[in-house]
Amino acid sequence: MELHDVWFVLIAVLWIGYFFLEGFDFGIGVLTKLLARDRPEKRVLINTIGPVWDGNEVWLLTAGGATFAAFPEWYATLFSGFYLPLLIILVCLIVRGVAFEYRAKRPEENWQRNWEQAIFWTSLIPAFLWGVAFGNIVRGVKIDARHEYVGDFWDLLNPYALLGGLVTLTLFTFHGAVFAALKTVGDIRERARALATKLGLVAAVAALIFLLWTQVDKGDGWSLFAMLVAVVALVGAIGANSAGREGWSFALSGVTIAAAVAMLFLTLFPDVMPSTLNSDWSLTVTNASSSPYTLKIMTWCAAIAAPLVMAYQAWTYWVFRKRIGTQHIAPDHAAHSAH
C-alpha cells in the first residue's frame, strides 16, 4: 500500500472520529429545542457536552489539515467549489462556540434565549450541510480538465446530496438523544429515550434509502459489507435504547456512523473527488497527493502525536463520565457557561 493510500484511510478515520463525536454534539444542540421543556433542562443538555464539545472539534481541524497537507489538490478543489456551504458551516461553528461561552454570562431572559436559539440553529445547519457536502463528494461534481470546480451552488442541491443531509441530521439527532439518555437522570432521561426511538426509526428509513442508492450506484463487496454493518448496528441501537441499555445503544449508534462513513469512502476510492464531466478529469489519491517525502514526514508526526491526543481525550471523557440532572443545576443567577 502506497503512502497516499494510507493517508486516504487516515483521513477517512479522522472524519469517522469527527462525525462520531461531533455528531452527538450537534444532536444535543438540536434537542435543546426538541426535548428540553424549560431552561434548567436546556442547561442540563448543554452541560452534558460542556467539557468535551471543543475537544471534539479538534478532529475536524485535523481532518482539514491532513487533507491540505496530504492531498493539496483535493483541498483546493473542495474548498473552492464548496466555498459557500463550507463557509456557512464555519460561521455556524464559530457562533456555536461563542453561544456556549456567552449564554450564561448575563441573567436576562432575552440574552439567554437568543444564545439558546443560536445553539439550536448552529447545530442543525451543519448537521444537515455535512451530509450534503459528502453526498456531492461521493456522487461527483463538475470538475474540468484543470481540476477546477465549474458548477455553481445550486448544482450541489441535488436529490442525492439533500437526502444525505437528511440522513446526517436525523442520525446525529438520534445519536444525541441516546447520549442525552446516557448522561442524564430523571424525567429528561426517560423522555430522551422515548424520543430516541422515534428519531431512530426516521433515521433508519432515510439511511437505508441513501445507503442502498449509494451501493447500487457505486458500491462493491466491501461497501456492501459496511452498509450491512451500519444497518444492523442502527437496528441494534434502536432496540438497545428501547430496552433501556443506553450504553449499548450509544456504542451501536457510533458503529452506525462509523460504518456509514466508511462505506462512503469505500465507494469513493481511488477517487477523492469524481468528475461528472469526464472520469479522466477526476481527482484521485494519485494525482491529488503531495510528494512521497511530505507524506513520509506526516506519517512520522501522526504516529507520535495521534496516540497522545486520543489518550488525553479519552481521559477527559472518563473524568466527566457521571450523569447529571436538573437537581445538579444551580439557579440562573449563579449559572456558569458550559466550559
C-alpha atoms as a PDB file:
ATOM      1  CA  MET A   1       0.000   0.000   0.000  1.00  0.00           C
ATOM      2  CA  GLU A   2       1.386   3.395  -1.018  1.00  0.00           C
ATOM      3  CA  LEU A   3       1.564   6.282   1.437  1.00  0.00           C
ATOM      4  CA  HIS A   4      -1.148   8.211  -0.427  1.00  0.00           C
ATOM      5  CA  ASP A   5      -3.450   5.224   0.094  1.00  0.00           C
ATOM      6  CA  VAL A   6      -2.542   5.174   3.787  1.00  0.00           C
ATOM      7  CA  TRP A   7      -3.382   8.848   4.126  1.00  0.00           C
ATOM      8  CA  PHE A   8      -6.701   8.374   2.351  1.00  0.00           C
ATOM      9  CA  VAL A   9      -7.538   5.780   5.019  1.00  0.00           C
ATOM     10  CA  LEU A  10      -6.295   8.039   7.821  1.00  0.00           C
ATOM     11  CA  ILE A  11      -8.413  10.946   6.576  1.00  0.00           C
ATOM     12  CA  ALA A  12     -11.415   8.621   6.477  1.00  0.00           C
ATOM     13  CA  VAL A  13     -10.677   7.643  10.107  1.00  0.00           C
ATOM     14  CA  LEU A  14     -10.470  11.312  11.099  1.00  0.00           C
ATOM     15  CA  TRP A  15     -13.868  12.026   9.541  1.00  0.00           C
ATOM     16  CA  ILE A  16     -15.319   8.965  11.260  1.00  0.00           C
ATOM     17  CA  GLY A  17     -13.983  10.245  14.586  1.00  0.00           C
ATOM     18  CA  TYR A  18     -15.333  13.719  13.931  1.00  0.00           C
ATOM     19  CA  PHE A  19     -18.827  12.574  12.990  1.00  0.00           C
ATOM     20  CA  PHE A  20     -18.954  10.106  15.885  1.00  0.00           C
ATOM     21  CA  LEU A  21     -18.001  12.760  18.464  1.00  0.00           C
ATOM     22  CA  GLU A  22     -19.376  15.955  16.970  1.00  0.00           C
ATOM     23  CA  GLY A  23     -22.467  14.045  15.851  1.00  0.00           C
ATOM     24  CA  PHE A  24     -23.876  13.808  19.362  1.00  0.00           C
ATOM     25  CA  ASP A  25     -22.789  17.419  19.988  1.00  0.00           C
ATOM     26  CA  PHE A  26     -24.950  18.517  17.075  1.00  0.00           C
ATOM     27  CA  GLY A  27     -27.717  16.227  18.268  1.00  0.00           C
ATOM     28  CA  ILE A  28     -27.679  17.749  21.760  1.00  0.00           C
ATOM     29  CA  GLY A  29     -27.858  21.228  20.216  1.00  0.00           C
ATOM     30  CA  VAL A  30     -30.937  20.262  18.202  1.00  0.00           C
ATOM     31  CA  LEU A  31     -32.509  18.618  21.253  1.00  0.00           C
ATOM     32  CA  THR A  32     -32.344  21.844  23.254  1.00  0.00           C
ATOM     33  CA  LYS A  33     -35.493  22.745  21.342  1.00  0.00           C
ATOM     34  CA  LEU A  34     -36.989  19.298  20.651  1.00  0.00           C
ATOM     35  CA  LEU A  35     -36.520  17.726  24.091  1.00  0.00           C
ATOM     36  CA  ALA A  36     -35.933  20.359  26.770  1.00  0.00           C
ATOM     37  CA  ARG A  37     -39.097  21.818  28.311  1.00  0.00           C
ATOM     38  CA  ASP A  38     -37.552  24.687  30.260  1.00  0.00           C
ATOM     39  CA  ARG A  39     -34.251  26.486  30.870  1.00  0.00           C
ATOM     40  CA  PRO A  40     -32.925  24.093  33.549  1.00  0.00           C
ATOM     41  CA  GLU A  41     -33.406  21.164  31.161  1.00  0.00           C
ATOM     42  CA  LYS A  42     -31.670  23.077  28.372  1.00  0.00           C
ATOM     43  CA  ARG A  43     -28.797  23.704  30.722  1.00  0.00           C
ATOM     44  CA  VAL A  44     -28.673  20.007  31.612  1.00  0.00           C
ATOM     45  CA  LEU A  45     -28.385  19.090  27.934  1.00  0.00           C
ATOM     46  CA  ILE A  46     -25.742  21.712  27.228  1.00  0.00           C
ATOM     47  CA  ASN A  47     -23.767  20.669  30.299  1.00  0.00           C
ATOM     48  CA  THR A  48     -23.623  17.056  29.103  1.00  0.00           C
ATOM     49  CA  ILE A  49     -21.317  18.211  26.306  1.00  0.00           C
ATOM     50  CA  GLY A  50     -19.849  21.245  28.077  1.00  0.00           C
ATOM     51  CA  PRO A  51     -16.487  19.652  28.967  1.00  0.00           C
ATOM     52  CA  VAL A  52     -15.961  17.913  25.618  1.00  0.00           C
ATOM     53  CA  TRP A  53     -17.519  19.802  22.689  1.00  0.00           C
ATOM     54  CA  ASP A  54     -14.443  21.894  21.892  1.00  0.00           C
ATOM     55  CA  GLY A  55     -12.176  18.840  22.037  1.00  0.00           C
ATOM     56  CA  ASN A  56     -14.466  17.042  19.606  1.00  0.00           C
ATOM     57  CA  GLU A  57     -13.945  19.786  17.031  1.00  0.00           C
ATOM     58  CA  VAL A  58     -10.207  19.082  17.021  1.00  0.00           C
ATOM     59  CA  TRP A  59     -10.998  16.118  14.787  1.00  0.00           C
ATOM     60  CA  LEU A  60     -12.383  18.476  12.139  1.00  0.00           C
ATOM     61  CA  LEU A  61      -9.306  20.697  12.288  1.00  0.00           C
ATOM     62  CA  THR A  62      -7.080  17.647  11.984  1.00  0.00           C
ATOM     63  CA  ALA A  63      -9.074  16.229   9.066  1.00  0.00           C
ATOM     64  CA  GLY A  64      -8.901  19.561   7.246  1.00  0.00           C
ATOM     65  CA  GLY A  65      -5.197  19.973   7.964  1.00  0.00           C
ATOM     66  CA  ALA A  66      -4.413  16.409   6.885  1.00  0.00           C
ATOM     67  CA  THR A  67      -6.315  16.909   3.637  1.00  0.00           C
ATOM     68  CA  PHE A  68      -4.447  20.160   2.948  1.00  0.00           C
ATOM     69  CA  ALA A  69      -1.053  18.546   3.567  1.00  0.00           C
ATOM     70  CA  ALA A  70      -1.614  15.099   2.050  1.00  0.00           C
ATOM     71  CA  PHE A  71      -3.909  15.982  -0.863  1.00  0.00           C
ATOM     72  CA  PRO A  72      -3.484  19.706  -1.668  1.00  0.00           C
ATOM     73  CA  GLU A  73      -5.357  19.495  -4.982  1.00  0.00           C
ATOM     74  CA  TRP A  74      -8.300  17.807  -3.298  1.00  0.00           C
ATOM     75  CA  TYR A  75      -8.310  20.504  -0.625  1.00  0.00           C
ATOM     76  CA  ALA A  76      -8.104  23.321  -3.171  1.00  0.00           C
ATOM     77  CA  THR A  77     -10.888  21.990  -5.398  1.00  0.00           C
ATOM     78  CA  LEU A  78     -13.105  21.072  -2.444  1.00  0.00           C
ATOM     79  CA  PHE A  79     -12.834  24.375  -0.624  1.00  0.00           C
ATOM     80  CA  SER A  80     -13.173  26.483  -3.769  1.00  0.00           C
ATOM     81  CA  GLY A  81     -16.088  24.512  -5.222  1.00  0.00           C
ATOM     82  CA  PHE A  82     -17.919  24.087  -1.895  1.00  0.00           C
ATOM     83  CA  TYR A  83     -16.990  27.559  -0.679  1.00  0.00           C
ATOM     84  CA  LEU A  84     -20.471  28.782   0.316  1.00  0.00           C
ATOM     85  CA  PRO A  85     -21.710  25.685   2.225  1.00  0.00           C
ATOM     86  CA  LEU A  86     -18.350  25.271   3.963  1.00  0.00           C
ATOM     87  CA  LEU A  87     -18.353  28.970   4.877  1.00  0.00           C
ATOM     88  CA  ILE A  88     -21.836  28.577   6.346  1.00  0.00           C
ATOM     89  CA  ILE A  89     -20.616  25.600   8.388  1.00  0.00           C
ATOM     90  CA  LEU A  90     -17.584  27.561   9.582  1.00  0.00           C
ATOM     91  CA  VAL A  91     -19.693  30.553  10.639  1.00  0.00           C
ATOM     92  CA  CYS A  92     -22.094  28.224  12.457  1.00  0.00           C
ATOM     93  CA  LEU A  93     -19.258  26.556  14.360  1.00  0.00           C
ATOM     94  CA  ILE A  94     -17.843  29.934  15.379  1.00  0.00           C
ATOM     95  CA  VAL A  95     -21.212  31.281  16.536  1.00  0.00           C
ATOM     96  CA  ARG A  96     -21.963  28.000  18.302  1.00  0.00           C
ATOM     97  CA  GLY A  97     -18.751  28.189  20.301  1.00  0.00           C
ATOM     98  CA  VAL A  98     -19.477  31.773  21.277  1.00  0.00           C
ATOM     99  CA  ALA A  99     -23.023  30.792  22.279  1.00  0.00           C
ATOM    100  CA  PHE A 100     -21.781  28.071  24.631  1.00  0.00           C
ATOM    101  CA  GLU A 101     -19.450  30.550  26.330  1.00  0.00           C
ATOM    102  CA  TYR A 102     -21.718  33.617  26.465  1.00  0.00           C
ATOM    103  CA  ARG A 103     -25.128  32.048  27.112  1.00  0.00           C
ATOM    104  CA  ALA A 104     -24.887  32.261  30.905  1.00  0.00           C
ATOM    105  CA  LYS A 105     -22.774  35.414  31.190  1.00  0.00           C
ATOM    106  CA  ARG A 106     -25.869  37.532  31.868  1.00  0.00           C
ATOM    107  CA  PRO A 107     -29.134  36.635  33.656  1.00  0.00           C
ATOM    108  CA  GLU A 108     -31.586  38.427  31.324  1.00  0.00           C
ATOM    109  CA  GLU A 109     -34.220  36.211  29.744  1.00  0.00           C
ATOM    110  CA  ASN A 110     -33.770  37.601  26.218  1.00  0.00           C
ATOM    111  CA  TRP A 111     -29.990  37.233  26.398  1.00  0.00           C
ATOM    112  CA  GLN A 112     -30.096  33.556  27.317  1.00  0.00           C
ATOM    113  CA  ARG A 113     -32.969  32.750  24.958  1.00  0.00           C
ATOM    114  CA  ASN A 114     -31.173  34.295  21.969  1.00  0.00           C
ATOM    115  CA  TRP A 115     -27.987  32.343  22.616  1.00  0.00           C
ATOM    116  CA  GLU A 116     -30.009  29.138  23.048  1.00  0.00           C
ATOM    117  CA  GLN A 117     -31.656  29.813  19.680  1.00  0.00           C
ATOM    118  CA  ALA A 118     -28.161  30.220  18.246  1.00  0.00           C
ATOM    119  CA  ILE A 119     -27.086  26.864  19.689  1.00  0.00           C
ATOM    120  CA  PHE A 120     -30.086  25.158  18.094  1.00  0.00           C
ATOM    121  CA  TRP A 121     -29.645  26.609  14.599  1.00  0.00           C
ATOM    122  CA  THR A 122     -25.850  26.355  14.542  1.00  0.00           C
ATOM    123  CA  SER A 123     -26.179  22.682  15.428  1.00  0.00           C
ATOM    124  CA  LEU A 124     -28.961  21.863  12.972  1.00  0.00           C
ATOM    125  CA  ILE A 125     -27.492  23.624   9.919  1.00  0.00           C
ATOM    126  CA  PRO A 126     -24.012  21.997   9.984  1.00  0.00           C
ATOM    127  CA  ALA A 127     -25.542  18.595  10.765  1.00  0.00           C
ATOM    128  CA  PHE A 128     -27.506  18.908   7.523  1.00  0.00           C
ATOM    129  CA  LEU A 129     -24.817  20.545   5.379  1.00  0.00           C
ATOM    130  CA  TRP A 130     -22.141  17.954   6.178  1.00  0.00           C
ATOM    131  CA  GLY A 131     -24.381  15.297   4.655  1.00  0.00           C
ATOM    132  CA  VAL A 132     -24.974  17.478   1.591  1.00  0.00           C
ATOM    133  CA  ALA A 133     -21.236  18.034   1.183  1.00  0.00           C
ATOM    134  CA  PHE A 134     -20.289  14.367   1.456  1.00  0.00           C
ATOM    135  CA  GLY A 135     -23.178  13.367  -0.765  1.00  0.00           C
ATOM    136  CA  ASN A 136     -21.759  15.578  -3.502  1.00  0.00           C
ATOM    137  CA  ILE A 137     -18.207  14.314  -2.967  1.00  0.00           C
ATOM    138  CA  VAL A 138     -19.334  10.717  -3.429  1.00  0.00           C
ATOM    139  CA  ARG A 139     -21.758  11.440  -6.279  1.00  0.00           C
ATOM    140  CA  GLY A 140     -19.250  13.576  -8.141  1.00  0.00           C
ATOM    141  CA  VAL A 141     -19.279  17.215  -9.223  1.00  0.00           C
ATOM    142  CA  LYS A 142     -18.440  19.270 -12.286  1.00  0.00           C
ATOM    143  CA  ILE A 143     -14.633  19.259 -12.417  1.00  0.00           C
ATOM    144  CA  ASP A 144     -12.848  20.293 -15.599  1.00  0.00           C
ATOM    145  CA  ALA A 145      -9.514  19.205 -17.086  1.00  0.00           C
ATOM    146  CA  ARG A 146      -7.666  21.685 -14.842  1.00  0.00           C
ATOM    147  CA  HIS A 147      -9.196  20.022 -11.750  1.00  0.00           C
ATOM    148  CA  GLU A 148     -11.294  23.093 -11.036  1.00  0.00           C
ATOM    149  CA  TYR A 149     -14.940  23.047  -9.980  1.00  0.00           C
ATOM    150  CA  VAL A 150     -17.025  24.678 -12.737  1.00  0.00           C
ATOM    151  CA  GLY A 151     -20.517  24.164 -11.330  1.00  0.00           C
ATOM    152  CA  ASP A 152     -22.455  26.526  -9.089  1.00  0.00           C
ATOM    153  CA  PHE A 153     -24.072  26.402  -5.667  1.00  0.00           C
ATOM    154  CA  TRP A 154     -27.376  25.082  -6.997  1.00  0.00           C
ATOM    155  CA  ASP A 155     -25.662  22.062  -8.567  1.00  0.00           C
ATOM    156  CA  LEU A 156     -24.852  20.940  -5.030  1.00  0.00           C
ATOM    157  CA  LEU A 157     -28.540  20.833  -4.074  1.00  0.00           C
ATOM    158  CA  ASN A 158     -29.354  17.632  -5.950  1.00  0.00           C
ATOM    159  CA  PRO A 159     -31.712  14.938  -4.584  1.00  0.00           C
ATOM    160  CA  TYR A 160     -28.928  12.511  -3.596  1.00  0.00           C
ATOM    161  CA  ALA A 161     -26.995  15.147  -1.637  1.00  0.00           C
ATOM    162  CA  LEU A 162     -30.125  16.533   0.032  1.00  0.00           C
ATOM    163  CA  LEU A 163     -31.040  13.015   1.128  1.00  0.00           C
ATOM    164  CA  GLY A 164     -27.523  12.707   2.527  1.00  0.00           C
ATOM    165  CA  GLY A 165     -28.150  15.873   4.522  1.00  0.00           C
ATOM    166  CA  LEU A 166     -31.384  14.444   5.909  1.00  0.00           C
ATOM    167  CA  VAL A 167     -29.522  11.265   6.904  1.00  0.00           C
ATOM    168  CA  THR A 168     -26.790  13.075   8.824  1.00  0.00           C
ATOM    169  CA  LEU A 169     -29.294  15.394  10.511  1.00  0.00           C
ATOM    170  CA  THR A 170     -31.591  12.605  11.705  1.00  0.00           C
ATOM    171  CA  LEU A 171     -28.753  10.226  12.559  1.00  0.00           C
ATOM    172  CA  PHE A 172     -26.843  12.839  14.551  1.00  0.00           C
ATOM    173  CA  THR A 173     -30.013  13.868  16.393  1.00  0.00           C
ATOM    174  CA  PHE A 174     -30.699  10.211  17.254  1.00  0.00           C
ATOM    175  CA  HIS A 175     -27.072   9.866  18.379  1.00  0.00           C
ATOM    176  CA  GLY A 176     -27.512  12.947  20.561  1.00  0.00           C
ATOM    177  CA  ALA A 177     -30.765  11.666  22.074  1.00  0.00           C
ATOM    178  CA  VAL A 178     -29.094   8.397  23.028  1.00  0.00           C
ATOM    179  CA  PHE A 179     -26.187  10.347  24.528  1.00  0.00           C
ATOM    180  CA  ALA A 180     -28.662  12.504  26.468  1.00  0.00           C
ATOM    181  CA  ALA A 181     -30.318   9.373  27.865  1.00  0.00           C
ATOM    182  CA  LEU A 182     -26.879   8.014  28.780  1.00  0.00           C
ATOM    183  CA  LYS A 183     -25.746  11.179  30.557  1.00  0.00           C
ATOM    184  CA  THR A 184     -28.879  12.343  32.398  1.00  0.00           C
ATOM    185  CA  VAL A 185     -31.140  11.213  35.224  1.00  0.00           C
ATOM    186  CA  GLY A 186     -34.804  11.666  35.994  1.00  0.00           C
ATOM    187  CA  ASP A 187     -37.635  12.593  33.692  1.00  0.00           C
ATOM    188  CA  ILE A 188     -35.430  14.068  30.974  1.00  0.00           C
ATOM    189  CA  ARG A 189     -33.657  10.710  30.651  1.00  0.00           C
ATOM    190  CA  GLU A 190     -36.943   8.886  30.094  1.00  0.00           C
ATOM    191  CA  ARG A 191     -38.133  11.410  27.526  1.00  0.00           C
ATOM    192  CA  ALA A 192     -34.761  11.327  25.752  1.00  0.00           C
ATOM    193  CA  ARG A 193     -35.039   7.557  25.448  1.00  0.00           C
ATOM    194  CA  ALA A 194     -38.601   7.771  24.077  1.00  0.00           C
ATOM    195  CA  LEU A 195     -37.627  10.461  21.571  1.00  0.00           C
ATOM    196  CA  ALA A 196     -34.541   8.497  20.539  1.00  0.00           C
ATOM    197  CA  THR A 197     -36.706   5.568  19.461  1.00  0.00           C
ATOM    198  CA  LYS A 198     -38.801   7.807  17.208  1.00  0.00           C
ATOM    199  CA  LEU A 199     -35.745   9.557  15.781  1.00  0.00           C
ATOM    200  CA  GLY A 200     -34.023   6.225  15.221  1.00  0.00           C
ATOM    201  CA  LEU A 201     -36.887   4.935  13.101  1.00  0.00           C
ATOM    202  CA  VAL A 202     -36.839   8.073  10.927  1.00  0.00           C
ATOM    203  CA  ALA A 203     -33.046   7.886  10.605  1.00  0.00           C
ATOM    204  CA  ALA A 204     -33.230   4.189   9.721  1.00  0.00           C
ATOM    205  CA  VAL A 205     -35.608   4.776   6.803  1.00  0.00           C
ATOM    206  CA  ALA A 206     -33.602   7.708   5.430  1.00  0.00           C
ATOM    207  CA  ALA A 207     -30.252   5.948   5.903  1.00  0.00           C
ATOM    208  CA  LEU A 208     -31.435   2.725   4.279  1.00  0.00           C
ATOM    209  CA  ILE A 209     -32.619   4.573   1.158  1.00  0.00           C
ATOM    210  CA  PHE A 210     -29.424   6.631   0.959  1.00  0.00           C
ATOM    211  CA  LEU A 211     -27.049   3.713   1.505  1.00  0.00           C
ATOM    212  CA  LEU A 212     -28.907   1.489  -0.962  1.00  0.00           C
ATOM    213  CA  TRP A 213     -28.778   4.299  -3.521  1.00  0.00           C
ATOM    214  CA  THR A 214     -25.039   4.625  -2.929  1.00  0.00           C
ATOM    215  CA  GLN A 215     -24.461   0.881  -3.143  1.00  0.00           C
ATOM    216  CA  VAL A 216     -26.400   0.469  -6.390  1.00  0.00           C
ATOM    217  CA  ASP A 217     -24.687   3.450  -7.981  1.00  0.00           C
ATOM    218  CA  LYS A 218     -21.073   2.975  -6.887  1.00  0.00           C
ATOM    219  CA  GLY A 219     -20.788   0.060  -4.490  1.00  0.00           C
ATOM    220  CA  ASP A 220     -18.770  -3.161  -4.400  1.00  0.00           C
ATOM    221  CA  GLY A 221     -18.429  -6.059  -1.980  1.00  0.00           C
ATOM    222  CA  TRP A 222     -16.600  -4.066   0.696  1.00  0.00           C
ATOM    223  CA  SER A 223     -19.079  -1.211   0.637  1.00  0.00           C
ATOM    224  CA  LEU A 224     -21.940  -3.709   0.833  1.00  0.00           C
ATOM    225  CA  PHE A 225     -20.379  -5.189   3.967  1.00  0.00           C
ATOM    226  CA  ALA A 226     -20.037  -1.714   5.513  1.00  0.00           C
ATOM    227  CA  MET A 227     -23.656  -0.938   4.626  1.00  0.00           C
ATOM    228  CA  LEU A 228     -24.880  -4.115   6.297  1.00  0.00           C
ATOM    229  CA  VAL A 229     -22.870  -3.316   9.422  1.00  0.00           C
ATOM    230  CA  ALA A 230     -24.390   0.180   9.519  1.00  0.00           C
ATOM    231  CA  VAL A 231     -27.952  -1.110   9.112  1.00  0.00           C
ATOM    232  CA  VAL A 232     -27.586  -3.908  11.673  1.00  0.00           C
ATOM    233  CA  ALA A 233     -25.918  -1.568  14.172  1.00  0.00           C
ATOM    234  CA  LEU A 234     -28.670   1.042  13.788  1.00  0.00           C
ATOM    235  CA  VAL A 235     -31.379  -1.565  14.353  1.00  0.00           C
ATOM    236  CA  GLY A 236     -29.438  -2.783  17.381  1.00  0.00           C
ATOM    237  CA  ALA A 237     -29.080   0.772  18.699  1.00  0.00           C
ATOM    238  CA  ILE A 238     -32.822   1.352  18.468  1.00  0.00           C
ATOM    239  CA  GLY A 239     -33.514  -1.962  20.188  1.00  0.00           C
ATOM    240  CA  ALA A 240     -30.978  -1.364  22.969  1.00  0.00           C
ATOM    241  CA  ASN A 241     -32.405   2.094  23.559  1.00  0.00           C
ATOM    242  CA  SER A 242     -35.928   0.702  23.856  1.00  0.00           C
ATOM    243  CA  ALA A 243     -34.632  -1.832  26.365  1.00  0.00           C
ATOM    244  CA  GLY A 244     -33.041   0.908  28.482  1.00  0.00           C
ATOM    245  CA  ARG A 245     -29.464  -0.113  27.639  1.00  0.00           C
ATOM    246  CA  GLU A 246     -28.187   3.364  26.864  1.00  0.00           C
ATOM    247  CA  GLY A 247     -24.516   2.406  26.875  1.00  0.00           C
ATOM    248  CA  TRP A 248     -25.007  -0.297  24.257  1.00  0.00           C
ATOM    249  CA  SER A 249     -27.297   1.949  22.257  1.00  0.00           C
ATOM    250  CA  PHE A 250     -24.736   4.762  22.171  1.00  0.00           C
ATOM    251  CA  ALA A 251     -21.954   2.383  21.164  1.00  0.00           C
ATOM    252  CA  LEU A 252     -24.075   0.893  18.379  1.00  0.00           C
ATOM    253  CA  SER A 253     -25.188   4.293  17.088  1.00  0.00           C
ATOM    254  CA  GLY A 254     -21.486   5.162  16.937  1.00  0.00           C
ATOM    255  CA  VAL A 255     -20.829   1.989  14.961  1.00  0.00           C
ATOM    256  CA  THR A 256     -23.626   3.022  12.597  1.00  0.00           C
ATOM    257  CA  ILE A 257     -21.985   6.383  11.924  1.00  0.00           C
ATOM    258  CA  ALA A 258     -18.542   4.794  11.533  1.00  0.00           C
ATOM    259  CA  ALA A 259     -19.755   2.121   9.113  1.00  0.00           C
ATOM    260  CA  ALA A 260     -21.807   4.576   7.051  1.00  0.00           C
ATOM    261  CA  VAL A 261     -18.883   6.995   6.668  1.00  0.00           C
ATOM    262  CA  ALA A 262     -16.558   4.079   5.895  1.00  0.00           C
ATOM    263  CA  MET A 263     -18.968   2.971   3.175  1.00  0.00           C
ATOM    264  CA  LEU A 264     -18.850   6.411   1.559  1.00  0.00           C
ATOM    265  CA  PHE A 265     -15.049   6.400   1.496  1.00  0.00           C
ATOM    266  CA  LEU A 266     -15.002   2.822   0.172  1.00  0.00           C
ATOM    267  CA  THR A 267     -17.260   3.785  -2.726  1.00  0.00           C
ATOM    268  CA  LEU A 268     -15.104   6.849  -3.350  1.00  0.00           C
ATOM    269  CA  PHE A 269     -11.659   5.177  -3.513  1.00  0.00           C
ATOM    270  CA  PRO A 270      -9.413   5.561  -5.515  1.00  0.00           C
ATOM    271  CA  ASP A 271     -11.084   8.872  -6.396  1.00  0.00           C
ATOM    272  CA  VAL A 272     -11.181  11.698  -3.889  1.00  0.00           C
ATOM    273  CA  MET A 273     -13.473  13.908  -5.997  1.00  0.00           C
ATOM    274  CA  PRO A 274     -15.021  12.292  -9.088  1.00  0.00           C
ATOM    275  CA  SER A 275     -15.768  14.465 -12.113  1.00  0.00           C
ATOM    276  CA  THR A 276     -19.221  14.152 -13.633  1.00  0.00           C
ATOM    277  CA  LEU A 277     -17.960  15.799 -16.852  1.00  0.00           C
ATOM    278  CA  ASN A 278     -15.229  13.295 -17.685  1.00  0.00           C
ATOM    279  CA  SER A 279     -13.922  10.470 -15.496  1.00  0.00           C
ATOM    280  CA  ASP A 280     -10.386  11.228 -16.712  1.00  0.00           C
ATOM    281  CA  TRP A 281     -10.648  14.623 -15.007  1.00  0.00           C
ATOM    282  CA  SER A 282     -11.435  13.150 -11.592  1.00  0.00           C
ATOM    283  CA  LEU A 283      -9.155  13.827  -8.656  1.00  0.00           C
ATOM    284  CA  THR A 284      -7.644  10.596  -7.347  1.00  0.00           C
ATOM    285  CA  VAL A 285      -5.358   9.587  -4.493  1.00  0.00           C
ATOM    286  CA  THR A 286      -2.539   9.574  -7.048  1.00  0.00           C
ATOM    287  CA  ASN A 287      -2.934  12.838  -8.952  1.00  0.00           C
ATOM    288  CA  ALA A 288      -4.104  14.887  -5.944  1.00  0.00           C
ATOM    289  CA  SER A 289      -1.476  13.816  -3.404  1.00  0.00           C
ATOM    290  CA  SER A 290       1.636  15.501  -2.055  1.00  0.00           C
ATOM    291  CA  SER A 291       5.144  14.192  -2.671  1.00  0.00           C
ATOM    292  CA  PRO A 292       6.209  10.889  -1.056  1.00  0.00           C
ATOM    293  CA  TYR A 293       8.687  12.778   1.159  1.00  0.00           C
ATOM    294  CA  THR A 294       5.918  15.046   2.508  1.00  0.00           C
ATOM    295  CA  LEU A 295       3.688  12.056   3.214  1.00  0.00           C
ATOM    296  CA  LYS A 296       6.567  10.265   4.962  1.00  0.00           C
ATOM    297  CA  ILE A 297       7.186  13.218   7.312  1.00  0.00           C
ATOM    298  CA  MET A 298       3.458  13.487   8.005  1.00  0.00           C
ATOM    299  CA  THR A 299       3.273   9.791   8.838  1.00  0.00           C
ATOM    300  CA  TRP A 300       6.010  10.056  11.472  1.00  0.00           C
ATOM    301  CA  CYS A 301       4.374  13.137  13.018  1.00  0.00           C
ATOM    302  CA  ALA A 302       0.971  11.448  13.115  1.00  0.00           C
ATOM    303  CA  ALA A 303       2.413   8.292  14.681  1.00  0.00           C
ATOM    304  CA  ILE A 304       3.804  10.339  17.572  1.00  0.00           C
ATOM    305  CA  ALA A 305       1.024  12.898  18.110  1.00  0.00           C
ATOM    306  CA  ALA A 306      -2.169  10.934  17.449  1.00  0.00           C
ATOM    307  CA  PRO A 307      -1.898   8.466  20.380  1.00  0.00           C
ATOM    308  CA  LEU A 308      -1.223  11.329  22.807  1.00  0.00           C
ATOM    309  CA  VAL A 309      -4.251  13.314  21.613  1.00  0.00           C
ATOM    310  CA  MET A 310      -6.558  10.295  21.746  1.00  0.00           C
ATOM    311  CA  ALA A 311      -5.325   9.318  25.218  1.00  0.00           C
ATOM    312  CA  TYR A 312      -5.950  12.828  26.537  1.00  0.00           C
ATOM    313  CA  GLN A 313      -9.433  12.949  25.026  1.00  0.00           C
ATOM    314  CA  ALA A 314     -10.294   9.516  26.428  1.00  0.00           C
ATOM    315  CA  TRP A 315      -9.172  10.706  29.869  1.00  0.00           C
ATOM    316  CA  THR A 316     -11.428  13.760  29.554  1.00  0.00           C
ATOM    317  CA  TYR A 317     -14.451  11.581  28.867  1.00  0.00           C
ATOM    318  CA  TRP A 318     -13.567   9.366  31.814  1.00  0.00           C
ATOM    319  CA  VAL A 319     -13.313  12.311  34.215  1.00  0.00           C
ATOM    320  CA  PHE A 320     -16.706  13.701  33.124  1.00  0.00           C
ATOM    321  CA  ARG A 321     -18.479  10.346  32.884  1.00  0.00           C
ATOM    322  CA  LYS A 322     -21.179  10.885  35.571  1.00  0.00           C
ATOM    323  CA  ARG A 323     -24.837  11.560  34.847  1.00  0.00           C
ATOM    324  CA  ILE A 324     -26.430  14.918  35.624  1.00  0.00           C
ATOM    325  CA  GLY A 325     -29.984  16.169  36.125  1.00  0.00           C
ATOM    326  CA  THR A 326     -31.895  19.321  36.912  1.00  0.00           C
ATOM    327  CA  GLN A 327     -31.097  18.831  40.604  1.00  0.00           C
ATOM    328  CA  HIS A 328     -27.442  19.487  39.769  1.00  0.00           C
ATOM    329  CA  ILE A 329     -28.194  22.811  38.084  1.00  0.00           C
ATOM    330  CA  ALA A 330     -27.577  25.966  40.114  1.00  0.00           C
ATOM    331  CA  PRO A 331     -30.093  28.849  39.976  1.00  0.00           C
ATOM    332  CA  ASP A 332     -29.888  31.043  36.882  1.00  0.00           C
ATOM    333  CA  HIS A 333     -28.180  33.919  38.671  1.00  0.00           C
ATOM    334  CA  ALA A 334     -25.347  31.579  39.668  1.00  0.00           C
ATOM    335  CA  ALA A 335     -25.080  29.825  36.334  1.00  0.00           C
ATOM    336  CA  HIS A 336     -21.784  29.271  34.666  1.00  0.00           C
ATOM    337  CA  SER A 337     -21.130  28.832  30.968  1.00  0.00           C
ATOM    338  CA  ALA A 338     -20.738  25.308  29.564  1.00  0.00           C
ATOM    339  CA  HIS A 339     -16.967  25.097  29.578  1.00  0.00           C
END
